[in-house]
Amino acid sequence: MPHRGKMLFNSIFQNKLIKLKSAGKHSSSYMELLKPEFADFVICLNEGKSPIDKRGCHPKANTVPPEVCQKIHEHIFCFPRNKTHYAGKDIDYPVARLDVKTMHSMYSEKYSDLDVK
């Protein structure tokens, strides 16, 4: 199996080198970009595994902590709620005089120590 993978790698690498020679004055920069990809490709062919995807492993910048989410949820459900009349199942919804802007201003007053936008 390793021999087949190596042969396949060599044929792919040679095809790419031909394209690089006709690329012009930036051929060396293209070759530098392609080398790590092909090195990973050889390892994967020899081991019989797909490469590990390392994208998206950083911490997300816009995440809201779970404690803050819980407080927001509790704040929304502390207001009086009405039941639907025409729906087939029981659904509660906030009373009509409450809107998101009012609820947000009340939340900001209640939890002024939290930094939520």
C-alpha atoms as a PDB file:
ATOM      1  CA  MET A   1       0.000   0.000   0.000  1.00  0.00           C
ATOM      2  CA  PRO A   2       2.701   2.612   0.794  1.00  0.00           C
ATOM      3  CA  HIS A   3       4.274   1.970  -2.587  1.00  0.00           C
ATOM      4  CA  ARG A   4       1.013   2.701  -4.439  1.00  0.00           C
ATOM      5  CA  GLY A   5       0.506   5.909  -2.461  1.00  0.00           C
ATOM      6  CA  LYS A   6       4.033   7.061  -3.203  1.00  0.00           C
ATOM      7  CA  MET A   7       3.630   6.346  -6.917  1.00  0.00           C
ATOM      8  CA  LEU A   8       0.379   8.277  -6.986  1.00  0.00           C
ATOM      9  CA  PHE A   9       2.027  11.177  -5.148  1.00  0.00           C
ATOM     10  CA  ASN A  10       4.923  11.270  -7.608  1.00  0.00           C
ATOM     11  CA  SER A  11       2.596  11.393 -10.603  1.00  0.00           C
ATOM     12  CA  ILE A  12       0.550  14.202  -9.041  1.00  0.00           C
ATOM     13  CA  PHE A  13       3.658  16.148  -8.039  1.00  0.00           C
ATOM     14  CA  GLN A  14       5.168  15.860 -11.518  1.00  0.00           C
ATOM     15  CA  ASN A  15       1.950  17.130 -13.106  1.00  0.00           C
ATOM     16  CA  LYS A  16       1.980  20.131 -10.796  1.00  0.00           C
ATOM     17  CA  LEU A  17       5.625  20.865 -11.599  1.00  0.00           C
ATOM     18  CA  ILE A  18       4.823  21.074 -15.294  1.00  0.00           C
ATOM     19  CA  LYS A  19       2.135  23.642 -14.553  1.00  0.00           C
ATOM     20  CA  LEU A  20       4.554  25.591 -12.373  1.00  0.00           C
ATOM     21  CA  LYS A  21       7.163  25.862 -15.134  1.00  0.00           C
ATOM     22  CA  SER A  22       4.632  27.492 -17.434  1.00  0.00           C
ATOM     23  CA  ALA A  23       3.365  29.832 -14.687  1.00  0.00           C
ATOM     24  CA  GLY A  24       6.019  32.486 -15.286  1.00  0.00           C
ATOM     25  CA  LYS A  25       8.019  34.561 -12.850  1.00  0.00           C
ATOM     26  CA  HIS A  26       5.982  33.574  -9.740  1.00  0.00           C
ATOM     27  CA  SER A  27       6.539  29.832 -10.100  1.00  0.00           C
ATOM     28  CA  SER A  28       8.734  29.527  -7.006  1.00  0.00           C
ATOM     29  CA  SER A  29       6.054  31.060  -4.780  1.00  0.00           C
ATOM     30  CA  TYR A  30       3.485  28.628  -6.120  1.00  0.00           C
ATOM     31  CA  MET A  31       5.807  25.736  -5.429  1.00  0.00           C
ATOM     32  CA  GLU A  32       6.229  26.824  -1.807  1.00  0.00           C
ATOM     33  CA  LEU A  33       2.477  26.915  -1.358  1.00  0.00           C
ATOM     34  CA  LEU A  34       1.947  23.482  -2.851  1.00  0.00           C
ATOM     35  CA  LYS A  35       4.639  21.583  -0.970  1.00  0.00           C
ATOM     36  CA  PRO A  36       2.889  21.398   2.436  1.00  0.00           C
ATOM     37  CA  GLU A  37      -0.364  20.255   0.835  1.00  0.00           C
ATOM     38  CA  PHE A  38       1.343  17.438  -1.019  1.00  0.00           C
ATOM     39  CA  ALA A  39       3.338  16.399   2.052  1.00  0.00           C
ATOM     40  CA  ASP A  40       0.056  16.008   3.950  1.00  0.00           C
ATOM     41  CA  PHE A  41      -1.378  14.160   0.962  1.00  0.00           C
ATOM     42  CA  VAL A  42       1.446  11.585   1.022  1.00  0.00           C
ATOM     43  CA  ILE A  43       0.982  10.951   4.725  1.00  0.00           C
ATOM     44  CA  CYS A  44      -2.741  10.465   4.232  1.00  0.00           C
ATOM     45  CA  LEU A  45      -2.251   8.070   1.336  1.00  0.00           C
ATOM     46  CA  ASN A  46       0.248   5.990   3.276  1.00  0.00           C
ATOM     47  CA  GLU A  47      -1.872   5.859   6.441  1.00  0.00           C
ATOM     48  CA  GLY A  48      -5.202   5.481   4.665  1.00  0.00           C
ATOM     49  CA  LYS A  49      -6.798   8.358   6.621  1.00  0.00           C
ATOM     50  CA  SER A  50      -8.297  11.664   5.618  1.00  0.00           C
ATOM     51  CA  PRO A  51      -6.489  14.762   6.922  1.00  0.00           C
ATOM     52  CA  ILE A  52      -7.656  16.390  10.151  1.00  0.00           C
ATOM     53  CA  ASP A  53      -9.572  19.587   9.530  1.00  0.00           C
ATOM     54  CA  LYS A  54      -8.026  22.255  11.756  1.00  0.00           C
ATOM     55  CA  ARG A  55     -10.280  25.111  10.694  1.00  0.00           C
ATOM     56  CA  GLY A  56     -12.512  26.772  13.272  1.00  0.00           C
ATOM     57  CA  CYS A  57     -10.610  25.628  16.371  1.00  0.00           C
ATOM     58  CA  HIS A  58     -10.157  29.134  17.756  1.00  0.00           C
ATOM     59  CA  PRO A  59     -12.498  30.515  20.440  1.00  0.00           C
ATOM     60  CA  LYS A  60     -15.403  32.438  18.966  1.00  0.00           C
ATOM     61  CA  ALA A  61     -15.250  36.187  19.588  1.00  0.00           C
ATOM     62  CA  ASN A  62     -19.006  36.869  19.718  1.00  0.00           C
ATOM     63  CA  THR A  63     -20.103  34.091  22.054  1.00  0.00           C
ATOM     64  CA  VAL A  64     -22.287  34.965  25.013  1.00  0.00           C
ATOM     65  CA  PRO A  65     -21.489  33.090  28.238  1.00  0.00           C
ATOM     66  CA  PRO A  66     -24.116  30.509  29.279  1.00  0.00           C
ATOM     67  CA  GLU A  67     -24.808  32.344  32.558  1.00  0.00           C
ATOM     68  CA  VAL A  68     -25.787  35.483  30.652  1.00  0.00           C
ATOM     69  CA  CYS A  69     -27.978  33.455  28.273  1.00  0.00           C
ATOM     70  CA  GLN A  70     -29.753  31.914  31.275  1.00  0.00           C
ATOM     71  CA  LYS A  71     -30.405  35.370  32.791  1.00  0.00           C
ATOM     72  CA  ILE A  72     -31.786  36.640  29.466  1.00  0.00           C
ATOM     73  CA  HIS A  73     -34.069  33.610  29.217  1.00  0.00           C
ATOM     74  CA  GLU A  74     -35.330  34.108  32.780  1.00  0.00           C
ATOM     75  CA  HIS A  75     -35.895  37.819  32.105  1.00  0.00           C
ATOM     76  CA  ILE A  76     -37.993  37.111  29.006  1.00  0.00           C
ATOM     77  CA  PHE A  77     -40.149  34.544  30.796  1.00  0.00           C
ATOM     78  CA  CYS A  78     -40.767  36.730  33.877  1.00  0.00           C
ATOM     79  CA  PHE A  79     -43.262  38.852  31.896  1.00  0.00           C
ATOM     80  CA  PRO A  80     -46.957  37.906  31.687  1.00  0.00           C
ATOM     81  CA  ARG A  81     -47.801  35.633  28.784  1.00  0.00           C
ATOM     82  CA  ASN A  82     -50.958  34.906  26.794  1.00  0.00           C
ATOM     83  CA  LYS A  83     -52.029  31.588  25.335  1.00  0.00           C
ATOM     84  CA  THR A  84     -52.906  31.334  21.665  1.00  0.00           C
ATOM     85  CA  HIS A  85     -56.555  30.914  20.812  1.00  0.00           C
ATOM     86  CA  TYR A  86     -56.424  29.754  17.201  1.00  0.00           C
ATOM     87  CA  ALA A  87     -53.382  27.478  17.190  1.00  0.00           C
ATOM     88  CA  GLY A  88     -53.802  23.723  17.386  1.00  0.00           C
ATOM     89  CA  LYS A  89     -51.337  23.424  20.260  1.00  0.00           C
ATOM     90  CA  ASP A  90     -50.796  25.499  23.384  1.00  0.00           C
ATOM     91  CA  ILE A  91     -48.298  28.264  22.669  1.00  0.00           C
ATOM     92  CA  ASP A  92     -47.474  31.092  25.054  1.00  0.00           C
ATOM     93  CA  TYR A  93     -46.431  34.469  23.731  1.00  0.00           C
ATOM     94  CA  PRO A  94     -45.621  37.772  25.486  1.00  0.00           C
ATOM     95  CA  VAL A  95     -48.405  40.303  25.861  1.00  0.00           C
ATOM     96  CA  ALA A  96     -48.816  42.735  22.974  1.00  0.00           C
ATOM     97  CA  ARG A  97     -47.657  45.859  24.826  1.00  0.00           C
ATOM     98  CA  LEU A  98     -44.157  44.417  25.314  1.00  0.00           C
ATOM     99  CA  ASP A  99     -41.638  44.767  22.529  1.00  0.00           C
ATOM    100  CA  VAL A 100     -37.959  43.892  22.245  1.00  0.00           C
ATOM    101  CA  LYS A 101     -36.792  47.463  22.811  1.00  0.00           C
ATOM    102  CA  THR A 102     -38.724  47.760  26.088  1.00  0.00           C
ATOM    103  CA  MET A 103     -37.562  44.366  27.292  1.00  0.00           C
ATOM    104  CA  HIS A 104     -33.941  45.246  26.461  1.00  0.00           C
ATOM    105  CA  SER A 105     -34.085  48.543  28.337  1.00  0.00           C
ATOM    106  CA  MET A 106     -35.606  46.794  31.378  1.00  0.00           C
ATOM    107  CA  TYR A 107     -32.916  44.114  31.215  1.00  0.00           C
ATOM    108  CA  SER A 108     -30.170  46.744  30.998  1.00  0.00           C
ATOM    109  CA  GLU A 109     -31.557  48.470  34.101  1.00  0.00           C
ATOM    110  CA  LYS A 110     -31.921  45.223  36.047  1.00  0.00           C
ATOM    111  CA  TYR A 111     -28.497  43.802  35.141  1.00  0.00           C
ATOM    112  CA  SER A 112     -26.408  46.944  34.757  1.00  0.00           C
ATOM    113  CA  ASP A 113     -23.265  45.083  35.902  1.00  0.00           C
ATOM    114  CA  LEU A 114     -23.333  42.744  32.862  1.00  0.00           C
ATOM    115  CA  ASP A 115     -21.831  43.925  29.600  1.00  0.00           C
ATOM    116  CA  VAL A 116     -24.488  42.815  27.105  1.00  0.00           C
ATOM    117  CA  LYS A 117     -25.215  44.826  23.989  1.00  0.00           C
END
